[in-house]
């Protein structure tokens, strides 16, 4: 039987709001003394995540606790940023085991184990938001920060996801770029906004490999995952009347029904004025030059 001590209800409420973590300062504000903190740590009721930051209760950290602990560690002017902010907004995947990125506004930011701390002297009120109860840089500010750190395709994928999820609008990004004209990475982000023919969101690794192949071959950029009547095609060159379907690693699994369905689909797309070319995962990865040559011929041949 566990007997409740000083501040336990307040600590429990606070931990529930903060993904299971609390700081020493918060424990003190709840009436928990330094000695009581040490006792709870020894008896397994508190688990140290960072200096001055504890997980309350079970040792297994719940989702969000790493991010909340990093923000608490870095103080009142800290926000999730960069890759961590992109994942918190849903623009990118959360890479477990990677450092949590936190930006601290206006003061020196030292290094901390498991936390990548950035300093920002130019943080504006519109650059900061609260999402799921944690401070985080806005989608526009997050993209600006990532533009200085990511290569072109990685940045492009996150930008496409942000636009598709309506987290940010192009004109908002344009204004942010105008406000920081000399910032590192702004030219790369501006080029993506100006040059993209449409979304380049990919749903599978096979589509990502196919897009890379098209770009290496310097072929015209396709639209990706486009709705045509009742179907959604993987890649479309609308002006050339060409659609490409990419059959992934588990292509059809030996079933005849899927094969027959593809034939019906291709015939319907043909009736809609499109030529269809199909490429398998193996073809794309093992014979990319042949795939590029086939595409080049198809694009050069009028419907």
C-alpha atoms as a PDB file:
ATOM      1  CA  UNK A   1       0.000   0.000   0.000  1.00  0.00           C
ATOM      2  CA  UNK A   2       1.364   3.424  -1.002  1.00  0.00           C
ATOM      3  CA  UNK A   3       0.547   6.268   1.367  1.00  0.00           C
ATOM      4  CA  UNK A   4       0.064   9.626  -0.370  1.00  0.00           C
ATOM      5  CA  UNK A   5       2.533  12.270   0.684  1.00  0.00           C
ATOM      6  CA  UNK A   6       2.714  16.039   0.449  1.00  0.00           C
ATOM      7  CA  UNK A   7       1.668  17.329  -2.940  1.00  0.00           C
ATOM      8  CA  UNK A   8       0.774  13.948  -4.428  1.00  0.00           C
ATOM      9  CA  UNK A   9      -2.592  14.977  -5.977  1.00  0.00           C
ATOM     10  CA  UNK A  10      -1.045  18.115  -7.490  1.00  0.00           C
ATOM     11  CA  UNK A  11       1.979  16.179  -8.771  1.00  0.00           C
ATOM     12  CA  UNK A  12      -0.273  13.549 -10.334  1.00  0.00           C
ATOM     13  CA  UNK A  13      -2.418  16.183 -12.053  1.00  0.00           C
ATOM     14  CA  UNK A  14       0.656  18.024 -13.348  1.00  0.00           C
ATOM     15  CA  UNK A  15       2.329  14.843 -14.587  1.00  0.00           C
ATOM     16  CA  UNK A  16      -0.848  13.851 -16.426  1.00  0.00           C
ATOM     17  CA  UNK A  17      -0.778  17.199 -18.225  1.00  0.00           C
ATOM     18  CA  UNK A  18       2.929  16.865 -19.111  1.00  0.00           C
ATOM     19  CA  UNK A  19       3.174  13.333 -20.497  1.00  0.00           C
ATOM     20  CA  UNK A  20       4.239  11.917 -17.144  1.00  0.00           C
ATOM     21  CA  UNK A  21       7.154  14.259 -16.400  1.00  0.00           C
ATOM     22  CA  UNK A  22       7.741  17.043 -13.876  1.00  0.00           C
ATOM     23  CA  UNK A  23      10.633  19.294 -12.957  1.00  0.00           C
ATOM     24  CA  UNK A  24      12.232  19.774  -9.544  1.00  0.00           C
ATOM     25  CA  UNK A  25      10.915  23.342  -9.473  1.00  0.00           C
ATOM     26  CA  UNK A  26       7.386  22.089 -10.128  1.00  0.00           C
ATOM     27  CA  UNK A  27       7.709  19.433  -7.423  1.00  0.00           C
ATOM     28  CA  UNK A  28       8.809  22.120  -4.993  1.00  0.00           C
ATOM     29  CA  UNK A  29       5.834  24.286  -5.971  1.00  0.00           C
ATOM     30  CA  UNK A  30       3.595  21.293  -5.178  1.00  0.00           C
ATOM     31  CA  UNK A  31       5.074  21.099  -1.682  1.00  0.00           C
ATOM     32  CA  UNK A  32       7.500  18.218  -2.252  1.00  0.00           C
ATOM     33  CA  UNK A  33      10.778  18.838  -0.426  1.00  0.00           C
ATOM     34  CA  UNK A  34      14.243  17.955  -1.703  1.00  0.00           C
ATOM     35  CA  UNK A  35      14.413  15.128   0.808  1.00  0.00           C
ATOM     36  CA  UNK A  36      11.051  13.772  -0.344  1.00  0.00           C
ATOM     37  CA  UNK A  37      12.245  13.935  -3.960  1.00  0.00           C
ATOM     38  CA  UNK A  38      15.335  11.885  -3.087  1.00  0.00           C
ATOM     39  CA  UNK A  39      13.195   9.356  -1.190  1.00  0.00           C
ATOM     40  CA  UNK A  40      10.748   8.983  -4.077  1.00  0.00           C
ATOM     41  CA  UNK A  41      13.630   8.536  -6.463  1.00  0.00           C
ATOM     42  CA  UNK A  42      15.148   5.795  -4.296  1.00  0.00           C
ATOM     43  CA  UNK A  43      11.822   3.997  -3.937  1.00  0.00           C
ATOM     44  CA  UNK A  44      10.973   4.106  -7.647  1.00  0.00           C
ATOM     45  CA  UNK A  45       8.172   6.664  -7.552  1.00  0.00           C
ATOM     46  CA  UNK A  46      10.292   9.141  -9.514  1.00  0.00           C
ATOM     47  CA  UNK A  47      12.661   8.208 -12.346  1.00  0.00           C
ATOM     48  CA  UNK A  48      15.340  10.679 -13.420  1.00  0.00           C
ATOM     49  CA  UNK A  49      15.274  11.538 -17.151  1.00  0.00           C
ATOM     50  CA  UNK A  50      17.480  14.646 -17.049  1.00  0.00           C
ATOM     51  CA  UNK A  51      19.053  16.683 -14.265  1.00  0.00           C
ATOM     52  CA  UNK A  52      16.077  18.196 -12.474  1.00  0.00           C
ATOM     53  CA  UNK A  53      13.459  16.380 -14.588  1.00  0.00           C
ATOM     54  CA  UNK A  54      11.682  13.217 -13.467  1.00  0.00           C
ATOM     55  CA  UNK A  55       9.207  10.690 -14.818  1.00  0.00           C
ATOM     56  CA  UNK A  56       6.424  10.066 -12.311  1.00  0.00           C
ATOM     57  CA  UNK A  57       5.357   6.493 -11.535  1.00  0.00           C
ATOM     58  CA  UNK A  58       6.286   3.695 -13.926  1.00  0.00           C
ATOM     59  CA  UNK A  59       9.733   3.559 -15.487  1.00  0.00           C
ATOM     60  CA  UNK A  60       8.324   3.049 -19.012  1.00  0.00           C
ATOM     61  CA  UNK A  61       8.116   6.497 -20.584  1.00  0.00           C
ATOM     62  CA  UNK A  62       4.792   7.215 -22.351  1.00  0.00           C
ATOM     63  CA  UNK A  63       4.654   8.812 -25.825  1.00  0.00           C
ATOM     64  CA  UNK A  64       5.493  12.504 -25.640  1.00  0.00           C
ATOM     65  CA  UNK A  65       7.523  12.250 -22.429  1.00  0.00           C
ATOM     66  CA  UNK A  66      10.886  12.661 -24.210  1.00  0.00           C
ATOM     67  CA  UNK A  67       9.704  15.888 -25.810  1.00  0.00           C
ATOM     68  CA  UNK A  68       8.107  17.243 -22.627  1.00  0.00           C
ATOM     69  CA  UNK A  69      11.209  16.404 -20.578  1.00  0.00           C
ATOM     70  CA  UNK A  70      13.494  18.176 -23.067  1.00  0.00           C
ATOM     71  CA  UNK A  71      11.374  21.336 -22.935  1.00  0.00           C
ATOM     72  CA  UNK A  72      11.316  21.295 -19.122  1.00  0.00           C
ATOM     73  CA  UNK A  73      15.077  20.750 -19.048  1.00  0.00           C
ATOM     74  CA  UNK A  74      15.726  23.837 -21.169  1.00  0.00           C
ATOM     75  CA  UNK A  75      13.550  26.255 -19.235  1.00  0.00           C
ATOM     76  CA  UNK A  76      10.683  28.674 -19.651  1.00  0.00           C
ATOM     77  CA  UNK A  77      11.749  30.050 -23.053  1.00  0.00           C
ATOM     78  CA  UNK A  78      12.235  26.671 -24.731  1.00  0.00           C
ATOM     79  CA  UNK A  79      10.152  25.163 -27.540  1.00  0.00           C
ATOM     80  CA  UNK A  80      10.304  22.007 -29.611  1.00  0.00           C
ATOM     81  CA  UNK A  81      11.891  22.865 -32.953  1.00  0.00           C
ATOM     82  CA  UNK A  82      13.512  21.530 -36.117  1.00  0.00           C
ATOM     83  CA  UNK A  83      12.985  17.790 -36.713  1.00  0.00           C
ATOM     84  CA  UNK A  84      11.208  17.378 -33.364  1.00  0.00           C
ATOM     85  CA  UNK A  85       8.745  20.150 -34.179  1.00  0.00           C
ATOM     86  CA  UNK A  86       8.119  18.665 -37.633  1.00  0.00           C
ATOM     87  CA  UNK A  87       7.274  15.318 -36.027  1.00  0.00           C
ATOM     88  CA  UNK A  88       5.103  16.974 -33.348  1.00  0.00           C
ATOM     89  CA  UNK A  89       3.085  18.708 -36.084  1.00  0.00           C
ATOM     90  CA  UNK A  90       2.807  15.464 -38.064  1.00  0.00           C
ATOM     91  CA  UNK A  91       4.904  16.710 -40.988  1.00  0.00           C
ATOM     92  CA  UNK A  92       7.556  14.029 -40.443  1.00  0.00           C
ATOM     93  CA  UNK A  93       8.050  10.783 -38.595  1.00  0.00           C
ATOM     94  CA  UNK A  94       9.271  10.776 -35.014  1.00  0.00           C
ATOM     95  CA  UNK A  95      12.634   9.007 -35.100  1.00  0.00           C
ATOM     96  CA  UNK A  96      12.864   7.204 -31.787  1.00  0.00           C
ATOM     97  CA  UNK A  97      16.311   7.416 -30.278  1.00  0.00           C
ATOM     98  CA  UNK A  98      17.189  10.620 -32.118  1.00  0.00           C
ATOM     99  CA  UNK A  99      17.972  13.716 -30.023  1.00  0.00           C
ATOM    100  CA  UNK A 100      15.051  15.971 -29.189  1.00  0.00           C
ATOM    101  CA  UNK A 101      15.541  19.376 -30.827  1.00  0.00           C
ATOM    102  CA  UNK A 102      14.693  22.394 -28.671  1.00  0.00           C
ATOM    103  CA  UNK A 103      15.156  26.077 -29.451  1.00  0.00           C
ATOM    104  CA  UNK A 104      15.778  28.545 -26.648  1.00  0.00           C
ATOM    105  CA  UNK A 105      14.926  32.148 -27.419  1.00  0.00           C
ATOM    106  CA  UNK A 106      17.442  34.870 -26.796  1.00  0.00           C
ATOM    107  CA  UNK A 107      20.005  33.254 -24.489  1.00  0.00           C
ATOM    108  CA  UNK A 108      23.033  31.008 -24.633  1.00  0.00           C
ATOM    109  CA  UNK A 109      22.140  27.381 -25.260  1.00  0.00           C
ATOM    110  CA  UNK A 110      24.583  24.767 -24.042  1.00  0.00           C
ATOM    111  CA  UNK A 111      24.667  21.141 -25.061  1.00  0.00           C
ATOM    112  CA  UNK A 112      22.655  18.604 -23.038  1.00  0.00           C
ATOM    113  CA  UNK A 113      22.660  14.781 -23.254  1.00  0.00           C
ATOM    114  CA  UNK A 114      19.912  13.547 -25.551  1.00  0.00           C
ATOM    115  CA  UNK A 115      18.784  17.073 -26.388  1.00  0.00           C
ATOM    116  CA  UNK A 116      19.998  19.194 -29.309  1.00  0.00           C
ATOM    117  CA  UNK A 117      19.652  22.792 -28.151  1.00  0.00           C
ATOM    118  CA  UNK A 118      19.495  25.699 -30.606  1.00  0.00           C
ATOM    119  CA  UNK A 119      19.672  29.389 -29.812  1.00  0.00           C
ATOM    120  CA  UNK A 120      17.403  31.870 -31.614  1.00  0.00           C
ATOM    121  CA  UNK A 121      17.883  35.599 -31.358  1.00  0.00           C
ATOM    122  CA  UNK A 122      15.195  36.348 -33.976  1.00  0.00           C
ATOM    123  CA  UNK A 123      12.209  34.481 -32.505  1.00  0.00           C
ATOM    124  CA  UNK A 124       8.950  36.388 -32.973  1.00  0.00           C
ATOM    125  CA  UNK A 125       5.596  35.767 -31.210  1.00  0.00           C
ATOM    126  CA  UNK A 126       4.109  34.368 -34.441  1.00  0.00           C
ATOM    127  CA  UNK A 127       6.946  31.820 -34.572  1.00  0.00           C
ATOM    128  CA  UNK A 128       5.669  30.049 -31.456  1.00  0.00           C
ATOM    129  CA  UNK A 129       2.587  27.913 -30.903  1.00  0.00           C
ATOM    130  CA  UNK A 130       1.232  25.416 -28.408  1.00  0.00           C
ATOM    131  CA  UNK A 131       0.284  21.986 -29.742  1.00  0.00           C
ATOM    132  CA  UNK A 132      -0.862  19.095 -27.600  1.00  0.00           C
ATOM    133  CA  UNK A 133       0.069  21.122 -24.512  1.00  0.00           C
ATOM    134  CA  UNK A 134       3.724  21.653 -25.485  1.00  0.00           C
ATOM    135  CA  UNK A 135       5.391  24.818 -26.827  1.00  0.00           C
ATOM    136  CA  UNK A 136       6.554  24.276 -30.398  1.00  0.00           C
ATOM    137  CA  UNK A 137       7.764  26.419 -33.255  1.00  0.00           C
ATOM    138  CA  UNK A 138       5.094  27.240 -35.831  1.00  0.00           C
ATOM    139  CA  UNK A 139       4.978  25.195 -39.036  1.00  0.00           C
ATOM    140  CA  UNK A 140       6.402  28.122 -41.021  1.00  0.00           C
ATOM    141  CA  UNK A 141       9.241  28.683 -38.542  1.00  0.00           C
ATOM    142  CA  UNK A 142       9.893  24.937 -38.402  1.00  0.00           C
ATOM    143  CA  UNK A 143      10.297  24.805 -42.191  1.00  0.00           C
ATOM    144  CA  UNK A 144      12.649  27.792 -42.113  1.00  0.00           C
ATOM    145  CA  UNK A 145      14.796  26.093 -39.471  1.00  0.00           C
ATOM    146  CA  UNK A 146      14.838  22.809 -41.399  1.00  0.00           C
ATOM    147  CA  UNK A 147      15.752  24.563 -44.655  1.00  0.00           C
ATOM    148  CA  UNK A 148      19.171  25.290 -43.164  1.00  0.00           C
ATOM    149  CA  UNK A 149      19.771  21.676 -42.119  1.00  0.00           C
ATOM    150  CA  UNK A 150      18.127  19.239 -44.562  1.00  0.00           C
ATOM    151  CA  UNK A 151      18.985  18.288 -48.110  1.00  0.00           C
ATOM    152  CA  UNK A 152      16.600  19.226 -50.908  1.00  0.00           C
ATOM    153  CA  UNK A 153      14.434  16.097 -51.089  1.00  0.00           C
ATOM    154  CA  UNK A 154      14.075  15.680 -47.326  1.00  0.00           C
ATOM    155  CA  UNK A 155      12.959  19.314 -47.043  1.00  0.00           C
ATOM    156  CA  UNK A 156      10.635  18.932 -50.034  1.00  0.00           C
ATOM    157  CA  UNK A 157       8.860  15.949 -48.470  1.00  0.00           C
ATOM    158  CA  UNK A 158       8.211  17.806 -45.214  1.00  0.00           C
ATOM    159  CA  UNK A 159       7.050  20.906 -47.110  1.00  0.00           C
ATOM    160  CA  UNK A 160       4.621  18.840 -49.174  1.00  0.00           C
ATOM    161  CA  UNK A 161       3.248  17.182 -46.044  1.00  0.00           C
ATOM    162  CA  UNK A 162       2.792  20.539 -44.306  1.00  0.00           C
ATOM    163  CA  UNK A 163       0.905  21.968 -47.298  1.00  0.00           C
ATOM    164  CA  UNK A 164      -1.211  18.832 -47.743  1.00  0.00           C
ATOM    165  CA  UNK A 165      -2.196  18.851 -44.056  1.00  0.00           C
ATOM    166  CA  UNK A 166      -3.031  22.583 -44.309  1.00  0.00           C
ATOM    167  CA  UNK A 167      -0.617  23.354 -41.479  1.00  0.00           C
ATOM    168  CA  UNK A 168       0.819  26.269 -43.428  1.00  0.00           C
ATOM    169  CA  UNK A 169      -0.073  28.214 -46.559  1.00  0.00           C
ATOM    170  CA  UNK A 170       2.317  29.193 -49.305  1.00  0.00           C
ATOM    171  CA  UNK A 171       1.736  32.909 -48.776  1.00  0.00           C
ATOM    172  CA  UNK A 172       2.577  32.503 -45.060  1.00  0.00           C
ATOM    173  CA  UNK A 173       5.875  30.909 -46.023  1.00  0.00           C
ATOM    174  CA  UNK A 174       6.570  33.631 -48.562  1.00  0.00           C
ATOM    175  CA  UNK A 175       6.074  36.273 -45.855  1.00  0.00           C
ATOM    176  CA  UNK A 176       8.378  34.376 -43.498  1.00  0.00           C
ATOM    177  CA  UNK A 177      11.036  34.191 -46.214  1.00  0.00           C
ATOM    178  CA  UNK A 178      10.726  37.909 -46.931  1.00  0.00           C
ATOM    179  CA  UNK A 179      11.217  38.662 -43.238  1.00  0.00           C
ATOM    180  CA  UNK A 180      14.526  36.736 -43.187  1.00  0.00           C
ATOM    181  CA  UNK A 181      16.031  37.216 -46.675  1.00  0.00           C
ATOM    182  CA  UNK A 182      19.610  36.317 -45.738  1.00  0.00           C
ATOM    183  CA  UNK A 183      18.886  33.323 -43.552  1.00  0.00           C
ATOM    184  CA  UNK A 184      20.668  30.113 -44.505  1.00  0.00           C
ATOM    185  CA  UNK A 185      18.398  27.767 -46.469  1.00  0.00           C
ATOM    186  CA  UNK A 186      15.849  30.377 -47.543  1.00  0.00           C
ATOM    187  CA  UNK A 187      16.929  30.151 -51.196  1.00  0.00           C
ATOM    188  CA  UNK A 188      16.369  26.377 -51.133  1.00  0.00           C
ATOM    189  CA  UNK A 189      12.913  26.724 -49.601  1.00  0.00           C
ATOM    190  CA  UNK A 190      11.968  29.522 -51.999  1.00  0.00           C
ATOM    191  CA  UNK A 191      13.036  27.400 -54.974  1.00  0.00           C
ATOM    192  CA  UNK A 192      10.828  24.538 -53.793  1.00  0.00           C
ATOM    193  CA  UNK A 193       7.851  26.884 -53.520  1.00  0.00           C
ATOM    194  CA  UNK A 194       8.481  28.367 -56.970  1.00  0.00           C
ATOM    195  CA  UNK A 195       9.430  25.266 -58.941  1.00  0.00           C
ATOM    196  CA  UNK A 196       7.178  22.462 -57.702  1.00  0.00           C
ATOM    197  CA  UNK A 197       4.535  21.428 -60.308  1.00  0.00           C
ATOM    198  CA  UNK A 198       2.320  20.047 -57.547  1.00  0.00           C
ATOM    199  CA  UNK A 199       2.588  17.753 -54.587  1.00  0.00           C
ATOM    200  CA  UNK A 200       5.473  15.286 -54.550  1.00  0.00           C
ATOM    201  CA  UNK A 201       4.107  13.322 -51.593  1.00  0.00           C
ATOM    202  CA  UNK A 202       4.960   9.652 -51.921  1.00  0.00           C
ATOM    203  CA  UNK A 203       3.180   6.853 -50.104  1.00  0.00           C
ATOM    204  CA  UNK A 204       5.780   4.115 -50.400  1.00  0.00           C
ATOM    205  CA  UNK A 205       9.494   3.611 -50.813  1.00  0.00           C
ATOM    206  CA  UNK A 206       8.901   2.364 -54.368  1.00  0.00           C
ATOM    207  CA  UNK A 207       7.336   5.721 -55.294  1.00  0.00           C
ATOM    208  CA  UNK A 208      10.213   7.578 -53.668  1.00  0.00           C
ATOM    209  CA  UNK A 209      12.736   5.538 -55.673  1.00  0.00           C
ATOM    210  CA  UNK A 210      10.761   6.179 -58.856  1.00  0.00           C
ATOM    211  CA  UNK A 211      10.722   9.955 -58.302  1.00  0.00           C
ATOM    212  CA  UNK A 212      14.489   9.941 -57.655  1.00  0.00           C
ATOM    213  CA  UNK A 213      14.983   7.990 -60.889  1.00  0.00           C
ATOM    214  CA  UNK A 214      12.951  10.536 -62.877  1.00  0.00           C
ATOM    215  CA  UNK A 215      14.974  13.408 -61.481  1.00  0.00           C
ATOM    216  CA  UNK A 216      18.343  11.761 -62.093  1.00  0.00           C
ATOM    217  CA  UNK A 217      17.339  11.177 -65.718  1.00  0.00           C
ATOM    218  CA  UNK A 218      16.287  14.868 -65.977  1.00  0.00           C
ATOM    219  CA  UNK A 219      12.870  13.901 -67.267  1.00  0.00           C
ATOM    220  CA  UNK A 220       9.881  16.236 -66.897  1.00  0.00           C
ATOM    221  CA  UNK A 221       8.442  16.226 -63.385  1.00  0.00           C
ATOM    222  CA  UNK A 222       5.233  14.221 -62.963  1.00  0.00           C
ATOM    223  CA  UNK A 223       2.269  14.857 -60.727  1.00  0.00           C
ATOM    224  CA  UNK A 224       2.068  12.191 -58.033  1.00  0.00           C
ATOM    225  CA  UNK A 225      -0.945  10.310 -56.653  1.00  0.00           C
ATOM    226  CA  UNK A 226      -3.473  11.996 -58.918  1.00  0.00           C
ATOM    227  CA  UNK A 227      -7.183  11.211 -58.987  1.00  0.00           C
ATOM    228  CA  UNK A 228      -8.415  10.273 -62.470  1.00  0.00           C
ATOM    229  CA  UNK A 229     -12.092   9.370 -62.386  1.00  0.00           C
ATOM    230  CA  UNK A 230     -12.537   6.433 -60.019  1.00  0.00           C
ATOM    231  CA  UNK A 231      -8.781   5.758 -59.811  1.00  0.00           C
ATOM    232  CA  UNK A 232      -5.693   7.306 -58.293  1.00  0.00           C
ATOM    233  CA  UNK A 233      -2.586   6.906 -60.448  1.00  0.00           C
ATOM    234  CA  UNK A 234       0.906   6.904 -58.966  1.00  0.00           C
ATOM    235  CA  UNK A 235       2.455   9.312 -61.479  1.00  0.00           C
ATOM    236  CA  UNK A 236       0.920  11.401 -64.250  1.00  0.00           C
ATOM    237  CA  UNK A 237       2.311  13.426 -67.137  1.00  0.00           C
ATOM    238  CA  UNK A 238      -0.947  15.139 -68.013  1.00  0.00           C
ATOM    239  CA  UNK A 239       0.262  16.970 -71.112  1.00  0.00           C
ATOM    240  CA  UNK A 240       1.735  13.817 -72.609  1.00  0.00           C
ATOM    241  CA  UNK A 241      -1.245  11.642 -71.668  1.00  0.00           C
ATOM    242  CA  UNK A 242       0.993   9.214 -69.752  1.00  0.00           C
ATOM    243  CA  UNK A 243       0.266   7.501 -66.444  1.00  0.00           C
ATOM    244  CA  UNK A 244       2.653   5.268 -64.525  1.00  0.00           C
ATOM    245  CA  UNK A 245       1.640   2.632 -62.010  1.00  0.00           C
ATOM    246  CA  UNK A 246       4.264   1.291 -59.605  1.00  0.00           C
ATOM    247  CA  UNK A 247       3.832  -2.278 -58.404  1.00  0.00           C
ATOM    248  CA  UNK A 248       5.514  -2.641 -55.004  1.00  0.00           C
ATOM    249  CA  UNK A 249       7.588  -5.385 -53.422  1.00  0.00           C
ATOM    250  CA  UNK A 250       4.578  -7.611 -52.718  1.00  0.00           C
ATOM    251  CA  UNK A 251       3.183  -7.226 -56.223  1.00  0.00           C
ATOM    252  CA  UNK A 252      -0.024  -9.317 -56.434  1.00  0.00           C
ATOM    253  CA  UNK A 253       1.255 -12.109 -54.177  1.00  0.00           C
ATOM    254  CA  UNK A 254       0.404 -14.761 -56.752  1.00  0.00           C
ATOM    255  CA  UNK A 255      -3.312 -13.884 -56.930  1.00  0.00           C
ATOM    256  CA  UNK A 256      -5.012 -13.798 -60.314  1.00  0.00           C
ATOM    257  CA  UNK A 257      -7.772 -11.424 -59.214  1.00  0.00           C
ATOM    258  CA  UNK A 258      -5.415  -8.485 -58.756  1.00  0.00           C
ATOM    259  CA  UNK A 259      -3.896  -9.077 -62.192  1.00  0.00           C
ATOM    260  CA  UNK A 260      -7.345  -9.034 -63.782  1.00  0.00           C
ATOM    261  CA  UNK A 261      -8.225  -5.888 -61.820  1.00  0.00           C
ATOM    262  CA  UNK A 262      -5.148  -4.125 -63.166  1.00  0.00           C
ATOM    263  CA  UNK A 263      -6.145  -4.972 -66.735  1.00  0.00           C
ATOM    264  CA  UNK A 264      -9.614  -3.468 -66.160  1.00  0.00           C
ATOM    265  CA  UNK A 265      -8.061  -0.409 -64.525  1.00  0.00           C
ATOM    266  CA  UNK A 266      -5.628   0.098 -67.423  1.00  0.00           C
ATOM    267  CA  UNK A 267      -8.449  -0.213 -69.957  1.00  0.00           C
ATOM    268  CA  UNK A 268     -10.547   2.371 -68.093  1.00  0.00           C
ATOM    269  CA  UNK A 269      -7.602   4.772 -67.955  1.00  0.00           C
ATOM    270  CA  UNK A 270      -7.026   4.204 -71.673  1.00  0.00           C
ATOM    271  CA  UNK A 271     -10.650   5.171 -72.290  1.00  0.00           C
ATOM    272  CA  UNK A 272      -9.917   8.353 -70.304  1.00  0.00           C
ATOM    273  CA  UNK A 273      -7.169   9.213 -72.793  1.00  0.00           C
ATOM    274  CA  UNK A 274      -4.151   7.940 -70.883  1.00  0.00           C
ATOM    275  CA  UNK A 275      -1.442   5.482 -71.831  1.00  0.00           C
ATOM    276  CA  UNK A 276      -0.408   3.369 -68.850  1.00  0.00           C
ATOM    277  CA  UNK A 277       3.074   2.048 -68.158  1.00  0.00           C
ATOM    278  CA  UNK A 278       3.708  -0.301 -65.226  1.00  0.00           C
ATOM    279  CA  UNK A 279       7.004  -0.797 -63.409  1.00  0.00           C
ATOM    280  CA  UNK A 280       7.773  -3.202 -60.597  1.00  0.00           C
ATOM    281  CA  UNK A 281       9.919  -2.540 -57.539  1.00  0.00           C
ATOM    282  CA  UNK A 282      12.551  -4.900 -58.919  1.00  0.00           C
ATOM    283  CA  UNK A 283      12.634  -3.096 -62.258  1.00  0.00           C
ATOM    284  CA  UNK A 284      12.989   0.321 -60.640  1.00  0.00           C
ATOM    285  CA  UNK A 285      15.738  -0.719 -58.234  1.00  0.00           C
ATOM    286  CA  UNK A 286      17.713  -3.149 -60.418  1.00  0.00           C
ATOM    287  CA  UNK A 287      17.325  -1.613 -63.886  1.00  0.00           C
ATOM    288  CA  UNK A 288      16.760   2.133 -63.386  1.00  0.00           C
ATOM    289  CA  UNK A 289      18.416   3.062 -66.691  1.00  0.00           C
ATOM    290  CA  UNK A 290      16.012   0.839 -68.616  1.00  0.00           C
ATOM    291  CA  UNK A 291      13.055   2.361 -66.780  1.00  0.00           C
ATOM    292  CA  UNK A 292      14.313   5.882 -67.563  1.00  0.00           C
ATOM    293  CA  UNK A 293      14.749   4.983 -71.239  1.00  0.00           C
ATOM    294  CA  UNK A 294      11.228   3.548 -71.430  1.00  0.00           C
ATOM    295  CA  UNK A 295       9.817   6.679 -69.846  1.00  0.00           C
ATOM    296  CA  UNK A 296      11.791   8.964 -72.135  1.00  0.00           C
ATOM    297  CA  UNK A 297      10.452   7.170 -75.222  1.00  0.00           C
ATOM    298  CA  UNK A 298       6.899   7.256 -73.910  1.00  0.00           C
ATOM    299  CA  UNK A 299       7.116  10.962 -73.105  1.00  0.00           C
ATOM    300  CA  UNK A 300       8.529  11.712 -76.543  1.00  0.00           C
ATOM    301  CA  UNK A 301       5.774   9.783 -78.296  1.00  0.00           C
ATOM    302  CA  UNK A 302       2.506  11.663 -78.679  1.00  0.00           C
ATOM    303  CA  UNK A 303      -0.736   9.954 -77.719  1.00  0.00           C
END
